[in-house]
Amino acid sequence: MRILVTGVTGQVGSALATKLAAFGTVVPAARTVLDLTQPQDIGPRLDEISPDVIVNPAAYTAVDRAEDERDLAFVVNAEAPRALAQWAARRRVPLLHFSTDYVYSGHGSVAWKECDETGPLSVYGASKLAGEAAIREAAGQHLIVRTSWVYAPTGSNFLRTIMRLAGEREELRIVADQIGAPTSAAIIADALAAFFASAGGLPSAIERTGGLVHVAAAGSTSWHGFATAIVEGLRARGVPLKVERLLPIGTADYPTKAQRPINSRLDLSKLEQVLGRSTPDWSAGLATVLDDLVASGI
């Protein structure tokens, strides 16, 4: 089985490429192989590669910049998935596509279910929702995976930013009224691997999810809670830091060009039914990543 994985230089793509190698030959599709800014070229490239499964974690993820680059965000997040899905539908190839909690409005305090009404607040969220719609319209075998607050030991993410700032500054001001589940790329990769390994394989897992599932760490916290856990975890592992205070602030105190959801909790009931188990708590996922970072010398 040839498994094409896009975005292999990114956090989720890299983790997936490693994990899914147990189920076939992974074809890593970096931008030089498959350029998602050129949807018209995707079909011919896929004809050459001829994958048996397509896994697409690649995306335009510059949330604030998307407000000024709407066209580019929609090309990468909507038109490219459309081209992938149309080719996959013609060839009867399963497509696994990653989406985001940003498709929801973020109102309330109850975890979002897959069946809940969407209402993106930003161009980024709207572009990702449009990508979901394009995949459904292609009417092929597909699984859309919505996840949240993704981080990894490498790359540009909240964990790496807090690690850097905690070593440079005595005081950090962190938003405390946005709630979600920090989710390591490893947790996502483990869940996707479990779909491949489940009884009946990937096609059965797709059928049981109905084509849409939330994949995230269990539990929830705020960005301030996540930052505090990062700092405490690094100190407990002997990493010297300069920071002395982590001050909780409100979203209104940290204005951004794109509006963020206040409530990014994702209901994981469907995922637990399909896998027969829950995902690790976000704090356990963080502990594993911090252990790996310290072991590698950070």
C-alpha atoms as a PDB file:
ATOM      1  CA  MET A   1       0.000   0.000   0.000  1.00  0.00           C
ATOM      2  CA  ARG A   2       1.358   3.397  -1.044  1.00  0.00           C
ATOM      3  CA  ILE A   3       0.393   6.080   1.489  1.00  0.00           C
ATOM      4  CA  LEU A   4       0.907   9.635   0.265  1.00  0.00           C
ATOM      5  CA  VAL A   5       1.389  12.097   3.139  1.00  0.00           C
ATOM      6  CA  THR A   6       1.418  15.835   2.434  1.00  0.00           C
ATOM      7  CA  GLY A   7       3.107  18.464   4.587  1.00  0.00           C
ATOM      8  CA  VAL A   8       5.828  16.093   5.781  1.00  0.00           C
ATOM      9  CA  THR A   9       8.011  19.002   6.913  1.00  0.00           C
ATOM     10  CA  GLY A  10       5.216  20.121   9.257  1.00  0.00           C
ATOM     11  CA  GLN A  11       4.366  18.943  12.749  1.00  0.00           C
ATOM     12  CA  VAL A  12       1.536  16.509  12.000  1.00  0.00           C
ATOM     13  CA  GLY A  13       2.822  15.450   8.599  1.00  0.00           C
ATOM     14  CA  SER A  14       6.199  14.497  10.009  1.00  0.00           C
ATOM     15  CA  ALA A  15       4.654  12.461  12.833  1.00  0.00           C
ATOM     16  CA  LEU A  16       2.266  10.726  10.435  1.00  0.00           C
ATOM     17  CA  ALA A  17       4.962   9.863   7.927  1.00  0.00           C
ATOM     18  CA  THR A  18       6.874   8.070  10.673  1.00  0.00           C
ATOM     19  CA  LYS A  19       3.894   6.316  12.254  1.00  0.00           C
ATOM     20  CA  LEU A  20       2.151   5.172   9.070  1.00  0.00           C
ATOM     21  CA  ALA A  21       5.287   3.494   7.715  1.00  0.00           C
ATOM     22  CA  ALA A  22       4.140   0.398   9.611  1.00  0.00           C
ATOM     23  CA  PHE A  23       1.188   0.052   7.219  1.00  0.00           C
ATOM     24  CA  GLY A  24       2.798   0.505   3.829  1.00  0.00           C
ATOM     25  CA  THR A  25       5.216   2.562   1.785  1.00  0.00           C
ATOM     26  CA  VAL A  26       4.950   6.214   2.793  1.00  0.00           C
ATOM     27  CA  VAL A  27       5.339   8.624  -0.105  1.00  0.00           C
ATOM     28  CA  PRO A  28       6.375  11.944   1.491  1.00  0.00           C
ATOM     29  CA  ALA A  29       4.848  14.761  -0.533  1.00  0.00           C
ATOM     30  CA  ALA A  30       6.652  17.954   0.375  1.00  0.00           C
ATOM     31  CA  ARG A  31       5.842  21.090  -1.607  1.00  0.00           C
ATOM     32  CA  THR A  32       8.435  20.155  -4.241  1.00  0.00           C
ATOM     33  CA  VAL A  33       6.446  16.971  -4.887  1.00  0.00           C
ATOM     34  CA  LEU A  34       2.885  18.287  -4.524  1.00  0.00           C
ATOM     35  CA  ASP A  35       2.393  22.060  -4.475  1.00  0.00           C
ATOM     36  CA  LEU A  36      -0.975  22.868  -2.900  1.00  0.00           C
ATOM     37  CA  THR A  37      -0.772  26.454  -4.172  1.00  0.00           C
ATOM     38  CA  GLN A  38      -1.189  25.008  -7.680  1.00  0.00           C
ATOM     39  CA  PRO A  39      -4.401  22.945  -7.523  1.00  0.00           C
ATOM     40  CA  GLN A  40      -4.490  22.540 -11.301  1.00  0.00           C
ATOM     41  CA  ASP A  41      -1.308  20.471 -11.143  1.00  0.00           C
ATOM     42  CA  ILE A  42      -2.452  18.132  -8.371  1.00  0.00           C
ATOM     43  CA  GLY A  43      -4.318  15.621 -10.547  1.00  0.00           C
ATOM     44  CA  PRO A  44      -1.427  15.030 -12.979  1.00  0.00           C
ATOM     45  CA  ARG A  45       1.042  14.676 -10.105  1.00  0.00           C
ATOM     46  CA  LEU A  46      -1.190  12.141  -8.390  1.00  0.00           C
ATOM     47  CA  ASP A  47      -1.426  10.218 -11.666  1.00  0.00           C
ATOM     48  CA  GLU A  48       2.370   9.907 -11.554  1.00  0.00           C
ATOM     49  CA  ILE A  49       2.545   8.965  -7.858  1.00  0.00           C
ATOM     50  CA  SER A  50      -0.501   6.651  -7.937  1.00  0.00           C
ATOM     51  CA  PRO A  51      -1.128   6.420  -4.165  1.00  0.00           C
ATOM     52  CA  ASP A  52      -3.478   3.908  -2.561  1.00  0.00           C
ATOM     53  CA  VAL A  53      -4.287   6.297   0.315  1.00  0.00           C
ATOM     54  CA  ILE A  54      -3.943  10.080   0.571  1.00  0.00           C
ATOM     55  CA  VAL A  55      -3.332  11.713   3.961  1.00  0.00           C
ATOM     56  CA  ASN A  56      -3.493  15.510   3.872  1.00  0.00           C
ATOM     57  CA  PRO A  57      -2.394  17.412   6.996  1.00  0.00           C
ATOM     58  CA  ALA A  58      -0.844  20.218   4.892  1.00  0.00           C
ATOM     59  CA  ALA A  59      -2.576  23.585   5.159  1.00  0.00           C
ATOM     60  CA  TYR A  60      -2.224  27.337   5.149  1.00  0.00           C
ATOM     61  CA  THR A  61      -2.077  27.925   8.922  1.00  0.00           C
ATOM     62  CA  ALA A  62      -0.963  31.566   9.288  1.00  0.00           C
ATOM     63  CA  VAL A  63      -4.194  32.538  11.052  1.00  0.00           C
ATOM     64  CA  ASP A  64      -3.618  36.299  11.268  1.00  0.00           C
ATOM     65  CA  ARG A  65      -1.921  36.663   7.886  1.00  0.00           C
ATOM     66  CA  ALA A  66      -4.868  34.872   6.278  1.00  0.00           C
ATOM     67  CA  GLU A  67      -6.983  37.946   6.984  1.00  0.00           C
ATOM     68  CA  ASP A  68      -4.844  39.753   4.383  1.00  0.00           C
ATOM     69  CA  GLU A  69      -4.176  36.714   2.171  1.00  0.00           C
ATOM     70  CA  ARG A  70      -7.690  35.376   1.790  1.00  0.00           C
ATOM     71  CA  ASP A  71      -7.233  34.165  -1.775  1.00  0.00           C
ATOM     72  CA  LEU A  72      -4.099  32.173  -0.946  1.00  0.00           C
ATOM     73  CA  ALA A  73      -5.690  30.681   2.181  1.00  0.00           C
ATOM     74  CA  PHE A  74      -8.677  29.472   0.135  1.00  0.00           C
ATOM     75  CA  VAL A  75      -6.476  28.077  -2.626  1.00  0.00           C
ATOM     76  CA  VAL A  76      -4.457  25.935  -0.201  1.00  0.00           C
ATOM     77  CA  ASN A  77      -7.207  25.087   2.287  1.00  0.00           C
ATOM     78  CA  ALA A  78     -10.185  24.684  -0.064  1.00  0.00           C
ATOM     79  CA  GLU A  79      -9.223  24.381  -3.724  1.00  0.00           C
ATOM     80  CA  ALA A  80      -6.274  22.025  -3.168  1.00  0.00           C
ATOM     81  CA  PRO A  81      -8.371  19.639  -1.019  1.00  0.00           C
ATOM     82  CA  ARG A  82     -11.031  19.782  -3.754  1.00  0.00           C
ATOM     83  CA  ALA A  83      -8.477  18.639  -6.322  1.00  0.00           C
ATOM     84  CA  LEU A  84      -7.206  15.892  -3.998  1.00  0.00           C
ATOM     85  CA  ALA A  85     -10.756  14.718  -3.283  1.00  0.00           C
ATOM     86  CA  GLN A  86     -11.840  14.710  -6.930  1.00  0.00           C
ATOM     87  CA  TRP A  87      -8.843  12.617  -7.953  1.00  0.00           C
ATOM     88  CA  ALA A  88      -9.349  10.283  -4.981  1.00  0.00           C
ATOM     89  CA  ALA A  89     -13.045   9.856  -5.787  1.00  0.00           C
ATOM     90  CA  ARG A  90     -12.293   8.965  -9.425  1.00  0.00           C
ATOM     91  CA  ARG A  91      -9.683   6.410  -8.388  1.00  0.00           C
ATOM     92  CA  ARG A  92     -11.650   5.139  -5.358  1.00  0.00           C
ATOM     93  CA  VAL A  93      -8.737   6.035  -3.098  1.00  0.00           C
ATOM     94  CA  PRO A  94      -9.445   6.907   0.574  1.00  0.00           C
ATOM     95  CA  LEU A  95      -8.637  10.505   1.542  1.00  0.00           C
ATOM     96  CA  LEU A  96      -7.818  11.507   5.131  1.00  0.00           C
ATOM     97  CA  HIS A  97      -7.938  15.271   5.512  1.00  0.00           C
ATOM     98  CA  PHE A  98      -7.195  17.425   8.558  1.00  0.00           C
ATOM     99  CA  SER A  99      -9.326  20.330   9.687  1.00  0.00           C
ATOM    100  CA  THR A 100      -9.581  22.487  12.800  1.00  0.00           C
ATOM    101  CA  ASP A 101     -11.580  23.680  15.794  1.00  0.00           C
ATOM    102  CA  TYR A 102     -11.609  27.091  14.070  1.00  0.00           C
ATOM    103  CA  VAL A 103     -14.606  25.947  11.994  1.00  0.00           C
ATOM    104  CA  TYR A 104     -16.723  26.478  15.128  1.00  0.00           C
ATOM    105  CA  SER A 105     -17.878  29.807  16.545  1.00  0.00           C
ATOM    106  CA  GLY A 106     -16.253  29.173  19.919  1.00  0.00           C
ATOM    107  CA  HIS A 107     -19.324  30.222  21.880  1.00  0.00           C
ATOM    108  CA  GLY A 108     -20.429  28.600  25.142  1.00  0.00           C
ATOM    109  CA  SER A 109     -18.541  26.169  27.319  1.00  0.00           C
ATOM    110  CA  VAL A 110     -19.776  22.765  26.122  1.00  0.00           C
ATOM    111  CA  ALA A 111     -17.497  20.582  24.005  1.00  0.00           C
ATOM    112  CA  TRP A 112     -18.365  20.706  20.318  1.00  0.00           C
ATOM    113  CA  LYS A 113     -19.804  17.587  18.701  1.00  0.00           C
ATOM    114  CA  GLU A 114     -19.154  16.739  15.066  1.00  0.00           C
ATOM    115  CA  CYS A 115     -22.839  17.340  14.299  1.00  0.00           C
ATOM    116  CA  ASP A 116     -22.909  20.848  15.808  1.00  0.00           C
ATOM    117  CA  GLU A 117     -23.452  23.859  13.606  1.00  0.00           C
ATOM    118  CA  THR A 118     -20.254  25.481  12.358  1.00  0.00           C
ATOM    119  CA  GLY A 119     -19.562  29.214  12.356  1.00  0.00           C
ATOM    120  CA  PRO A 120     -15.953  30.222  11.702  1.00  0.00           C
ATOM    121  CA  LEU A 121     -14.815  33.594  13.004  1.00  0.00           C
ATOM    122  CA  SER A 122     -11.795  34.033  10.732  1.00  0.00           C
ATOM    123  CA  VAL A 123     -10.678  33.675   7.129  1.00  0.00           C
ATOM    124  CA  TYR A 124      -8.553  30.717   8.184  1.00  0.00           C
ATOM    125  CA  GLY A 125     -11.548  28.958   9.744  1.00  0.00           C
ATOM    126  CA  ALA A 126     -13.756  29.755   6.757  1.00  0.00           C
ATOM    127  CA  SER A 127     -11.146  28.417   4.328  1.00  0.00           C
ATOM    128  CA  LYS A 128     -10.819  25.160   6.265  1.00  0.00           C
ATOM    129  CA  LEU A 129     -14.607  24.755   6.357  1.00  0.00           C
ATOM    130  CA  ALA A 130     -14.745  25.333   2.620  1.00  0.00           C
ATOM    131  CA  GLY A 131     -12.172  22.577   2.202  1.00  0.00           C
ATOM    132  CA  GLU A 132     -14.376  20.194   4.167  1.00  0.00           C
ATOM    133  CA  ALA A 133     -17.346  21.039   1.941  1.00  0.00           C
ATOM    134  CA  ALA A 134     -15.295  20.502  -1.224  1.00  0.00           C
ATOM    135  CA  ILE A 135     -14.242  17.053  -0.041  1.00  0.00           C
ATOM    136  CA  ARG A 136     -17.819  16.036   0.694  1.00  0.00           C
ATOM    137  CA  GLU A 137     -18.961  17.315  -2.702  1.00  0.00           C
ATOM    138  CA  ALA A 138     -16.447  15.029  -4.420  1.00  0.00           C
ATOM    139  CA  ALA A 139     -18.415  12.123  -2.885  1.00  0.00           C
ATOM    140  CA  GLY A 140     -15.422   9.819  -2.487  1.00  0.00           C
ATOM    141  CA  GLN A 141     -14.364   7.744   0.492  1.00  0.00           C
ATOM    142  CA  HIS A 142     -13.034  10.288   2.960  1.00  0.00           C
ATOM    143  CA  LEU A 143     -12.382  11.038   6.604  1.00  0.00           C
ATOM    144  CA  ILE A 144     -12.183  14.627   7.830  1.00  0.00           C
ATOM    145  CA  VAL A 145     -10.270  14.918  11.112  1.00  0.00           C
ATOM    146  CA  ARG A 146     -10.850  18.060  13.167  1.00  0.00           C
ATOM    147  CA  THR A 147      -8.175  18.710  15.751  1.00  0.00           C
ATOM    148  CA  SER A 148      -7.027  21.578  17.980  1.00  0.00           C
ATOM    149  CA  TRP A 149      -4.074  23.392  19.541  1.00  0.00           C
ATOM    150  CA  VAL A 150      -1.454  21.252  17.804  1.00  0.00           C
ATOM    151  CA  TYR A 151       2.176  21.293  18.892  1.00  0.00           C
ATOM    152  CA  ALA A 152       5.315  19.180  18.529  1.00  0.00           C
ATOM    153  CA  PRO A 153       8.923  19.154  19.746  1.00  0.00           C
ATOM    154  CA  THR A 154       9.975  20.941  16.557  1.00  0.00           C
ATOM    155  CA  GLY A 155       8.536  23.624  14.323  1.00  0.00           C
ATOM    156  CA  SER A 156       6.730  26.865  15.082  1.00  0.00           C
ATOM    157  CA  ASN A 157       4.140  26.358  17.819  1.00  0.00           C
ATOM    158  CA  PHE A 158       3.022  27.529  21.254  1.00  0.00           C
ATOM    159  CA  LEU A 159       5.269  25.101  23.122  1.00  0.00           C
ATOM    160  CA  ARG A 160       8.405  26.248  21.322  1.00  0.00           C
ATOM    161  CA  THR A 161       7.428  29.907  21.735  1.00  0.00           C
ATOM    162  CA  ILE A 162       6.898  29.594  25.489  1.00  0.00           C
ATOM    163  CA  MET A 163      10.171  27.693  25.873  1.00  0.00           C
ATOM    164  CA  ARG A 164      12.031  30.506  24.121  1.00  0.00           C
ATOM    165  CA  LEU A 165      10.291  33.379  25.910  1.00  0.00           C
ATOM    166  CA  ALA A 166      10.607  31.707  29.317  1.00  0.00           C
ATOM    167  CA  GLY A 167      14.347  31.674  28.807  1.00  0.00           C
ATOM    168  CA  GLU A 168      14.454  35.351  27.826  1.00  0.00           C
ATOM    169  CA  ARG A 169      11.904  37.210  29.977  1.00  0.00           C
ATOM    170  CA  GLU A 170      11.001  37.447  33.652  1.00  0.00           C
ATOM    171  CA  GLU A 171       7.305  37.986  32.977  1.00  0.00           C
ATOM    172  CA  LEU A 172       4.925  36.499  30.421  1.00  0.00           C
ATOM    173  CA  ARG A 173       1.326  37.591  29.820  1.00  0.00           C
ATOM    174  CA  ILE A 174      -0.776  34.675  28.575  1.00  0.00           C
ATOM    175  CA  VAL A 175      -4.414  34.529  27.496  1.00  0.00           C
ATOM    176  CA  ALA A 176      -6.466  32.671  30.103  1.00  0.00           C
ATOM    177  CA  ASP A 177     -10.040  32.765  28.750  1.00  0.00           C
ATOM    178  CA  GLN A 178      -9.609  30.619  25.626  1.00  0.00           C
ATOM    179  CA  ILE A 179     -10.116  26.945  26.465  1.00  0.00           C
ATOM    180  CA  GLY A 180      -9.087  23.866  24.496  1.00  0.00           C
ATOM    181  CA  ALA A 181      -6.965  20.731  24.523  1.00  0.00           C
ATOM    182  CA  PRO A 182      -3.281  21.103  23.639  1.00  0.00           C
ATOM    183  CA  THR A 183      -2.698  18.151  21.341  1.00  0.00           C
ATOM    184  CA  SER A 184       0.705  16.786  20.434  1.00  0.00           C
ATOM    185  CA  ALA A 185       1.320  15.648  16.874  1.00  0.00           C
ATOM    186  CA  ALA A 186       2.222  12.253  18.339  1.00  0.00           C
ATOM    187  CA  ILE A 187      -1.270  11.817  19.827  1.00  0.00           C
ATOM    188  CA  ILE A 188      -2.795  12.585  16.423  1.00  0.00           C
ATOM    189  CA  ALA A 189      -0.466  10.172  14.637  1.00  0.00           C
ATOM    190  CA  ASP A 190      -1.208   7.417  17.152  1.00  0.00           C
ATOM    191  CA  ALA A 191      -4.961   7.837  16.644  1.00  0.00           C
ATOM    192  CA  LEU A 192      -4.641   7.744  12.845  1.00  0.00           C
ATOM    193  CA  ALA A 193      -2.430   4.656  13.045  1.00  0.00           C
ATOM    194  CA  ALA A 194      -5.130   3.025  15.162  1.00  0.00           C
ATOM    195  CA  PHE A 195      -7.629   3.621  12.331  1.00  0.00           C
ATOM    196  CA  PHE A 196      -5.332   1.747   9.950  1.00  0.00           C
ATOM    197  CA  ALA A 197      -4.835  -1.062  12.475  1.00  0.00           C
ATOM    198  CA  SER A 198      -8.487  -1.430  13.499  1.00  0.00           C
ATOM    199  CA  ALA A 199     -10.658  -4.397  12.586  1.00  0.00           C
ATOM    200  CA  GLY A 200     -11.595  -4.018   8.935  1.00  0.00           C
ATOM    201  CA  GLY A 201      -8.803  -1.528   8.406  1.00  0.00           C
ATOM    202  CA  LEU A 202      -9.120   2.054   7.256  1.00  0.00           C
ATOM    203  CA  PRO A 203     -12.298   1.620   5.156  1.00  0.00           C
ATOM    204  CA  SER A 204     -14.155   0.258   8.186  1.00  0.00           C
ATOM    205  CA  ALA A 205     -12.903   3.094  10.406  1.00  0.00           C
ATOM    206  CA  ILE A 206     -14.060   5.664   7.855  1.00  0.00           C
ATOM    207  CA  GLU A 207     -17.500   4.051   7.663  1.00  0.00           C
ATOM    208  CA  ARG A 208     -17.861   3.979  11.443  1.00  0.00           C
ATOM    209  CA  THR A 209     -16.981   7.666  11.794  1.00  0.00           C
ATOM    210  CA  GLY A 210     -19.359   8.733   9.059  1.00  0.00           C
ATOM    211  CA  GLY A 211     -16.530  10.678   7.428  1.00  0.00           C
ATOM    212  CA  LEU A 212     -15.948  13.185  10.233  1.00  0.00           C
ATOM    213  CA  VAL A 213     -14.282  12.794  13.620  1.00  0.00           C
ATOM    214  CA  HIS A 214     -12.597  14.873  16.301  1.00  0.00           C
ATOM    215  CA  VAL A 215      -9.057  13.834  17.231  1.00  0.00           C
ATOM    216  CA  ALA A 216      -7.496  15.677  20.158  1.00  0.00           C
ATOM    217  CA  ALA A 217      -5.999  15.079  23.565  1.00  0.00           C
ATOM    218  CA  ALA A 218      -8.419  14.458  26.428  1.00  0.00           C
ATOM    219  CA  GLY A 219      -9.135  17.152  28.992  1.00  0.00           C
ATOM    220  CA  SER A 220      -8.871  20.903  28.567  1.00  0.00           C
ATOM    221  CA  THR A 221      -7.031  23.955  29.800  1.00  0.00           C
ATOM    222  CA  SER A 222      -6.382  27.576  28.859  1.00  0.00           C
ATOM    223  CA  TRP A 223      -3.358  28.926  27.039  1.00  0.00           C
ATOM    224  CA  HIS A 224      -2.236  30.232  30.423  1.00  0.00           C
ATOM    225  CA  GLY A 225      -2.672  26.777  31.944  1.00  0.00           C
ATOM    226  CA  PHE A 226      -0.735  25.238  29.079  1.00  0.00           C
ATOM    227  CA  ALA A 227       2.087  27.776  29.448  1.00  0.00           C
ATOM    228  CA  THR A 228       2.240  27.193  33.200  1.00  0.00           C
ATOM    229  CA  ALA A 229       2.472  23.432  32.679  1.00  0.00           C
ATOM    230  CA  ILE A 230       5.267  23.932  30.126  1.00  0.00           C
ATOM    231  CA  VAL A 231       7.302  26.112  32.481  1.00  0.00           C
ATOM    232  CA  GLU A 232       6.743  23.837  35.475  1.00  0.00           C
ATOM    233  CA  GLY A 233       7.552  20.778  33.391  1.00  0.00           C
ATOM    234  CA  LEU A 234      10.802  22.237  32.101  1.00  0.00           C
ATOM    235  CA  ARG A 235      11.897  23.300  35.578  1.00  0.00           C
ATOM    236  CA  ALA A 236      11.073  19.859  36.981  1.00  0.00           C
ATOM    237  CA  ARG A 237      13.394  18.434  34.340  1.00  0.00           C
ATOM    238  CA  GLY A 238      16.238  20.731  35.308  1.00  0.00           C
ATOM    239  CA  VAL A 239      15.970  23.229  32.460  1.00  0.00           C
ATOM    240  CA  PRO A 240      17.096  26.717  33.616  1.00  0.00           C
ATOM    241  CA  LEU A 241      14.579  29.474  32.871  1.00  0.00           C
ATOM    242  CA  LYS A 242      14.481  33.219  33.430  1.00  0.00           C
ATOM    243  CA  VAL A 243      10.725  33.625  33.777  1.00  0.00           C
ATOM    244  CA  GLU A 244       9.349  34.365  37.256  1.00  0.00           C
ATOM    245  CA  ARG A 245       5.715  35.310  36.567  1.00  0.00           C
ATOM    246  CA  LEU A 246       3.055  34.083  34.152  1.00  0.00           C
ATOM    247  CA  LEU A 247       0.219  36.592  34.290  1.00  0.00           C
ATOM    248  CA  PRO A 248      -3.264  35.543  33.098  1.00  0.00           C
ATOM    249  CA  ILE A 249      -4.895  38.043  30.736  1.00  0.00           C
ATOM    250  CA  GLY A 250      -8.113  38.154  28.734  1.00  0.00           C
ATOM    251  CA  THR A 251      -8.494  37.825  24.991  1.00  0.00           C
ATOM    252  CA  ALA A 252      -9.376  41.518  24.866  1.00  0.00           C
ATOM    253  CA  ASP A 253      -5.970  42.313  26.378  1.00  0.00           C
ATOM    254  CA  TYR A 254      -4.166  40.562  23.526  1.00  0.00           C
ATOM    255  CA  PRO A 255      -5.773  41.798  20.292  1.00  0.00           C
ATOM    256  CA  THR A 256      -5.025  39.874  17.087  1.00  0.00           C
ATOM    257  CA  LYS A 257      -6.052  40.498  13.501  1.00  0.00           C
ATOM    258  CA  ALA A 258      -8.021  37.240  13.362  1.00  0.00           C
ATOM    259  CA  GLN A 259     -10.623  36.427  15.993  1.00  0.00           C
ATOM    260  CA  ARG A 260      -9.948  33.218  17.944  1.00  0.00           C
ATOM    261  CA  PRO A 261     -12.589  30.845  19.355  1.00  0.00           C
ATOM    262  CA  ILE A 262     -13.040  31.183  23.118  1.00  0.00           C
ATOM    263  CA  ASN A 263     -14.310  27.615  23.434  1.00  0.00           C
ATOM    264  CA  SER A 264     -12.243  25.089  21.467  1.00  0.00           C
ATOM    265  CA  ARG A 265     -13.281  22.017  23.454  1.00  0.00           C
ATOM    266  CA  LEU A 266     -13.908  19.068  21.131  1.00  0.00           C
ATOM    267  CA  ASP A 267     -16.187  16.199  22.108  1.00  0.00           C
ATOM    268  CA  LEU A 268     -14.257  12.939  21.643  1.00  0.00           C
ATOM    269  CA  SER A 269     -17.098  10.467  22.147  1.00  0.00           C
ATOM    270  CA  LYS A 270     -17.141   9.288  18.537  1.00  0.00           C
ATOM    271  CA  LEU A 271     -13.379   8.794  18.501  1.00  0.00           C
ATOM    272  CA  GLU A 272     -13.556   6.740  21.696  1.00  0.00           C
ATOM    273  CA  GLN A 273     -16.302   4.553  20.207  1.00  0.00           C
ATOM    274  CA  VAL A 274     -14.285   3.876  17.063  1.00  0.00           C
ATOM    275  CA  LEU A 275     -10.957   3.251  18.814  1.00  0.00           C
ATOM    276  CA  GLY A 276     -12.373   1.560  21.901  1.00  0.00           C
ATOM    277  CA  ARG A 277     -10.255   3.816  24.101  1.00  0.00           C
ATOM    278  CA  SER A 278      -9.654   7.444  24.906  1.00  0.00           C
ATOM    279  CA  THR A 279      -6.699   9.557  23.870  1.00  0.00           C
ATOM    280  CA  PRO A 280      -4.165  10.563  26.550  1.00  0.00           C
ATOM    281  CA  ASP A 281      -4.876  13.622  28.660  1.00  0.00           C
ATOM    282  CA  TRP A 282      -3.228  16.776  27.310  1.00  0.00           C
ATOM    283  CA  SER A 283      -0.928  16.931  30.364  1.00  0.00           C
ATOM    284  CA  ALA A 284       0.321  13.384  29.735  1.00  0.00           C
ATOM    285  CA  GLY A 285       0.958  14.256  26.106  1.00  0.00           C
ATOM    286  CA  LEU A 286       2.946  17.309  27.174  1.00  0.00           C
ATOM    287  CA  ALA A 287       5.006  15.262  29.641  1.00  0.00           C
ATOM    288  CA  THR A 288       5.998  12.863  26.875  1.00  0.00           C
ATOM    289  CA  VAL A 289       7.066  15.675  24.564  1.00  0.00           C
ATOM    290  CA  LEU A 290       9.050  17.415  27.323  1.00  0.00           C
ATOM    291  CA  ASP A 291      10.798  14.141  28.163  1.00  0.00           C
ATOM    292  CA  ASP A 292      11.770  13.744  24.517  1.00  0.00           C
ATOM    293  CA  LEU A 293      12.999  17.328  24.293  1.00  0.00           C
ATOM    294  CA  VAL A 294      15.169  17.046  27.395  1.00  0.00           C
ATOM    295  CA  ALA A 295      16.524  13.672  26.280  1.00  0.00           C
ATOM    296  CA  SER A 296      17.527  15.191  22.948  1.00  0.00           C
ATOM    297  CA  GLY A 297      19.207  18.153  24.624  1.00  0.00           C
ATOM    298  CA  ILE A 298      16.490  20.595  23.568  1.00  0.00           C
END
